[in-house]
Amino acid sequence: MVKEEKELKDKGVKEEAETEVSEEQLEAVEEPKAEEAPEEKPEAVEGAEEKKEELAEEKKAKKPKKEKAAEEEEIVEEKFYTVPLGKAWITPPRRRAPRAMRMLKSFITKHMKLESRKETGEEEEEVSRLIISNEVNLRMWSRGIEKPPRKIRVRAAKDKEGNVTVYLAEGD
């Protein structure tokens, strides 16, 4: 124990000596750096900001890859359809785009054999859902409520759980 105490005292003395020297060095070094500091800080900040941006971009790039890989593994069935929406033009102008969306939903429900919702008092089963991607929605509403497209080409993908997701067909 006596040896350990001596070693601790020796280390304590060495640490104090190092701190004194480092403080003196810092005082001597800080004076010239004070003049140069404004020039160096923006470069350091710019470099840090660039690194942060790169890291953020990498994180964004990584997440979709993982999601896409997960989606590709889960897809059971995938079909391409051209959905006719011409009958939406029969309705009054201010109701055409909403009707076209309902027509799209009913078409996909029918052709992808989505289960209809059945309400049972005691049992609540997980019902498969129809998910319409934002791209399809934007295409339907691109010309406003009065002029939806006469037809739209979509890709419907069914996963293991029975959920159907509707995407725009590639090239559209």
Protein backbone atom coordinates (compact mmCIF):
# COMPACT_ATOMS: atom_id res chain seq x y z
CA MET A 1 0.00 0.00 0.00
CA VAL A 2 2.86 2.34 0.75
CA LYS A 3 4.22 1.84 -2.76
CA GLU A 4 0.83 2.59 -4.30
CA GLU A 5 0.55 5.82 -2.31
CA LYS A 6 4.01 6.89 -3.43
CA GLU A 7 3.12 6.13 -7.04
CA LEU A 8 -0.10 8.13 -6.72
CA LYS A 9 1.80 11.06 -5.19
CA ASP A 10 4.38 10.87 -7.97
CA LYS A 11 1.62 10.83 -10.59
CA GLY A 12 -0.13 13.73 -8.88
CA VAL A 13 3.07 15.75 -8.97
CA LYS A 14 3.61 14.87 -12.62
CA GLU A 15 0.04 15.85 -13.53
CA GLU A 16 0.41 19.19 -11.77
CA ALA A 17 3.67 19.85 -13.56
CA GLU A 18 2.07 19.00 -16.88
CA THR A 19 -0.85 21.32 -16.25
CA GLU A 20 1.48 24.20 -15.34
CA VAL A 21 3.48 23.74 -18.48
CA SER A 22 0.43 23.38 -20.63
CA GLU A 23 -1.11 26.54 -19.16
CA GLU A 24 2.06 28.48 -19.89
CA GLN A 25 2.16 27.11 -23.39
CA LEU A 26 -1.48 28.00 -23.91
CA GLU A 27 -0.92 31.59 -22.79
CA ALA A 28 2.02 31.93 -25.14
CA VAL A 29 0.15 30.26 -28.00
CA GLU A 30 -3.18 32.04 -27.47
CA GLU A 31 -1.78 35.51 -28.12
CA PRO A 32 -0.76 34.88 -31.75
CA LYS A 33 -3.85 32.76 -32.40
CA ALA A 34 -6.13 35.55 -31.24
CA GLU A 35 -5.15 37.50 -34.36
CA GLU A 36 -5.53 34.51 -36.69
CA ALA A 37 -8.64 33.06 -35.03
CA PRO A 38 -11.29 34.95 -37.05
CA GLU A 39 -9.83 33.61 -40.29
CA GLU A 40 -9.62 30.00 -39.11
CA LYS A 41 -13.05 29.71 -37.49
CA PRO A 42 -15.13 30.15 -40.66
CA GLU A 43 -13.08 27.48 -42.42
CA ALA A 44 -13.56 25.11 -39.52
CA VAL A 45 -17.27 25.89 -39.40
CA GLU A 46 -17.64 25.43 -43.16
CA GLY A 47 -15.85 22.11 -43.01
CA ALA A 48 -18.04 20.97 -40.14
CA GLU A 49 -21.20 22.05 -41.93
CA GLU A 50 -20.14 20.18 -45.07
CA LYS A 51 -19.45 17.06 -43.03
CA LYS A 52 -22.85 17.35 -41.34
CA GLU A 53 -24.56 17.75 -44.71
CA GLU A 54 -22.73 14.73 -46.11
CA LEU A 55 -23.68 12.63 -43.09
CA ALA A 56 -27.30 13.75 -43.37
CA GLU A 57 -27.36 12.84 -47.08
CA GLU A 58 -25.83 9.45 -46.34
CA LYS A 59 -28.45 8.77 -43.68
CA LYS A 60 -31.22 9.76 -46.08
CA ALA A 61 -29.72 7.56 -48.77
CA LYS A 62 -29.42 4.59 -46.41
CA LYS A 63 -33.00 4.68 -45.13
CA PRO A 64 -34.78 4.34 -48.49
CA LYS A 65 -32.45 1.49 -49.48
CA LYS A 66 -33.42 -0.42 -46.36
CA GLU A 67 -37.11 0.33 -46.88
CA LYS A 68 -36.97 -0.67 -50.54
CA ALA A 69 -35.18 -3.89 -49.68
CA ALA A 70 -37.82 -4.68 -47.08
CA GLU A 71 -40.62 -3.90 -49.53
CA GLU A 72 -39.08 -6.08 -52.24
CA GLU A 73 -38.83 -9.01 -49.87
CA GLU A 74 -42.44 -8.71 -48.77
CA ILE A 75 -44.06 -8.32 -52.21
CA VAL A 76 -46.14 -11.37 -53.05
CA GLU A 77 -47.90 -10.17 -56.18
CA GLU A 78 -47.31 -7.25 -58.52
CA LYS A 79 -49.44 -6.23 -61.50
CA PHE A 80 -49.61 -3.34 -63.94
CA TYR A 81 -52.99 -1.87 -64.84
CA THR A 82 -54.32 0.87 -67.08
CA VAL A 83 -57.30 2.19 -65.14
CA PRO A 84 -60.02 3.80 -67.30
CA LEU A 85 -61.33 6.96 -65.66
CA GLY A 86 -63.38 8.42 -68.53
CA LYS A 87 -66.69 7.91 -66.75
CA ALA A 88 -65.56 10.35 -64.07
CA TRP A 89 -66.26 13.06 -66.68
CA ILE A 90 -69.99 12.28 -66.53
CA THR A 91 -70.23 13.96 -63.11
CA PRO A 92 -70.32 17.74 -62.58
CA PRO A 93 -66.94 19.45 -62.97
CA ARG A 94 -66.29 20.02 -59.27
CA ARG A 95 -66.76 16.34 -58.44
CA ARG A 96 -64.64 14.71 -61.15
CA ALA A 97 -61.27 14.23 -59.42
CA PRO A 98 -62.80 12.80 -56.22
CA ARG A 99 -64.88 10.41 -58.33
CA ALA A 100 -61.78 9.41 -60.32
CA MET A 101 -60.04 8.56 -57.02
CA ARG A 102 -63.02 6.43 -55.94
CA MET A 103 -62.99 4.70 -59.34
CA LEU A 104 -59.27 3.94 -58.97
CA LYS A 105 -59.81 2.50 -55.48
CA SER A 106 -62.70 0.31 -56.57
CA PHE A 107 -60.80 -0.91 -59.66
CA ILE A 108 -57.75 -1.92 -57.61
CA THR A 109 -59.91 -3.48 -54.89
CA LYS A 110 -61.69 -5.60 -57.48
CA HIS A 111 -58.67 -6.66 -59.55
CA MET A 112 -56.25 -7.29 -56.67
CA LYS A 113 -58.95 -9.20 -54.75
CA LEU A 114 -58.74 -7.07 -51.63
CA GLU A 115 -60.93 -8.37 -48.83
CA SER A 116 -63.98 -6.27 -48.13
CA ARG A 117 -64.39 -5.01 -44.59
CA LYS A 118 -66.64 -7.26 -42.60
CA GLU A 119 -67.65 -6.11 -39.17
CA THR A 120 -68.00 -8.91 -36.71
CA GLY A 121 -69.10 -8.14 -33.18
CA GLU A 122 -66.67 -10.37 -31.34
CA GLU A 123 -63.72 -10.83 -33.68
CA GLU A 124 -61.63 -7.98 -35.02
CA GLU A 125 -59.42 -9.27 -37.81
CA GLU A 126 -56.67 -7.29 -39.45
CA VAL A 127 -58.19 -6.10 -42.67
CA SER A 128 -55.95 -5.59 -45.68
CA ARG A 129 -55.60 -1.99 -46.75
CA LEU A 130 -55.30 -0.11 -50.02
CA ILE A 131 -52.48 2.43 -49.97
CA ILE A 132 -52.23 4.95 -52.80
CA SER A 133 -48.81 6.55 -53.22
CA ASN A 134 -48.38 10.28 -53.25
CA GLU A 135 -47.21 10.20 -56.90
CA VAL A 136 -50.51 8.68 -58.04
CA ASN A 137 -52.47 11.22 -56.03
CA LEU A 138 -50.48 14.09 -57.53
CA ARG A 139 -51.04 12.74 -61.05
CA MET A 140 -54.81 12.51 -60.46
CA TRP A 141 -55.00 16.07 -59.15
CA SER A 142 -52.33 17.58 -61.44
CA ARG A 143 -54.83 19.48 -63.60
CA GLY A 144 -57.19 20.32 -60.76
CA ILE A 145 -60.55 19.04 -59.61
CA GLU A 146 -62.32 19.65 -62.93
CA LYS A 147 -59.97 17.82 -65.31
CA PRO A 148 -58.69 14.48 -64.00
CA PRO A 149 -56.90 12.17 -66.46
CA ARG A 150 -59.02 9.94 -68.72
CA LYS A 151 -56.85 6.96 -67.80
CA ILE A 152 -53.87 6.26 -65.60
CA ARG A 153 -51.24 3.50 -65.70
CA VAL A 154 -50.37 2.11 -62.26
CA ARG A 155 -48.42 -0.69 -60.61
CA ALA A 156 -50.21 -2.50 -57.77
CA ALA A 157 -48.07 -4.47 -55.32
CA LYS A 158 -49.56 -6.86 -52.75
CA ASP A 159 -47.48 -7.79 -49.69
CA LYS A 160 -47.61 -10.76 -47.31
CA GLU A 161 -50.14 -9.09 -45.03
CA GLY A 162 -52.56 -8.52 -47.90
CA ASN A 163 -52.00 -4.76 -48.12
CA VAL A 164 -52.00 -3.36 -51.66
CA THR A 165 -49.89 -0.33 -52.52
CA VAL A 166 -50.54 1.54 -55.76
CA TYR A 167 -47.60 3.27 -57.50
CA LEU A 168 -47.29 5.03 -60.84
CA ALA A 169 -46.06 2.67 -63.53
CA GLU A 170 -42.43 3.28 -64.49
CA GLY A 171 -42.02 5.71 -67.34
CA ASP A 172 -45.19 7.63 -66.49
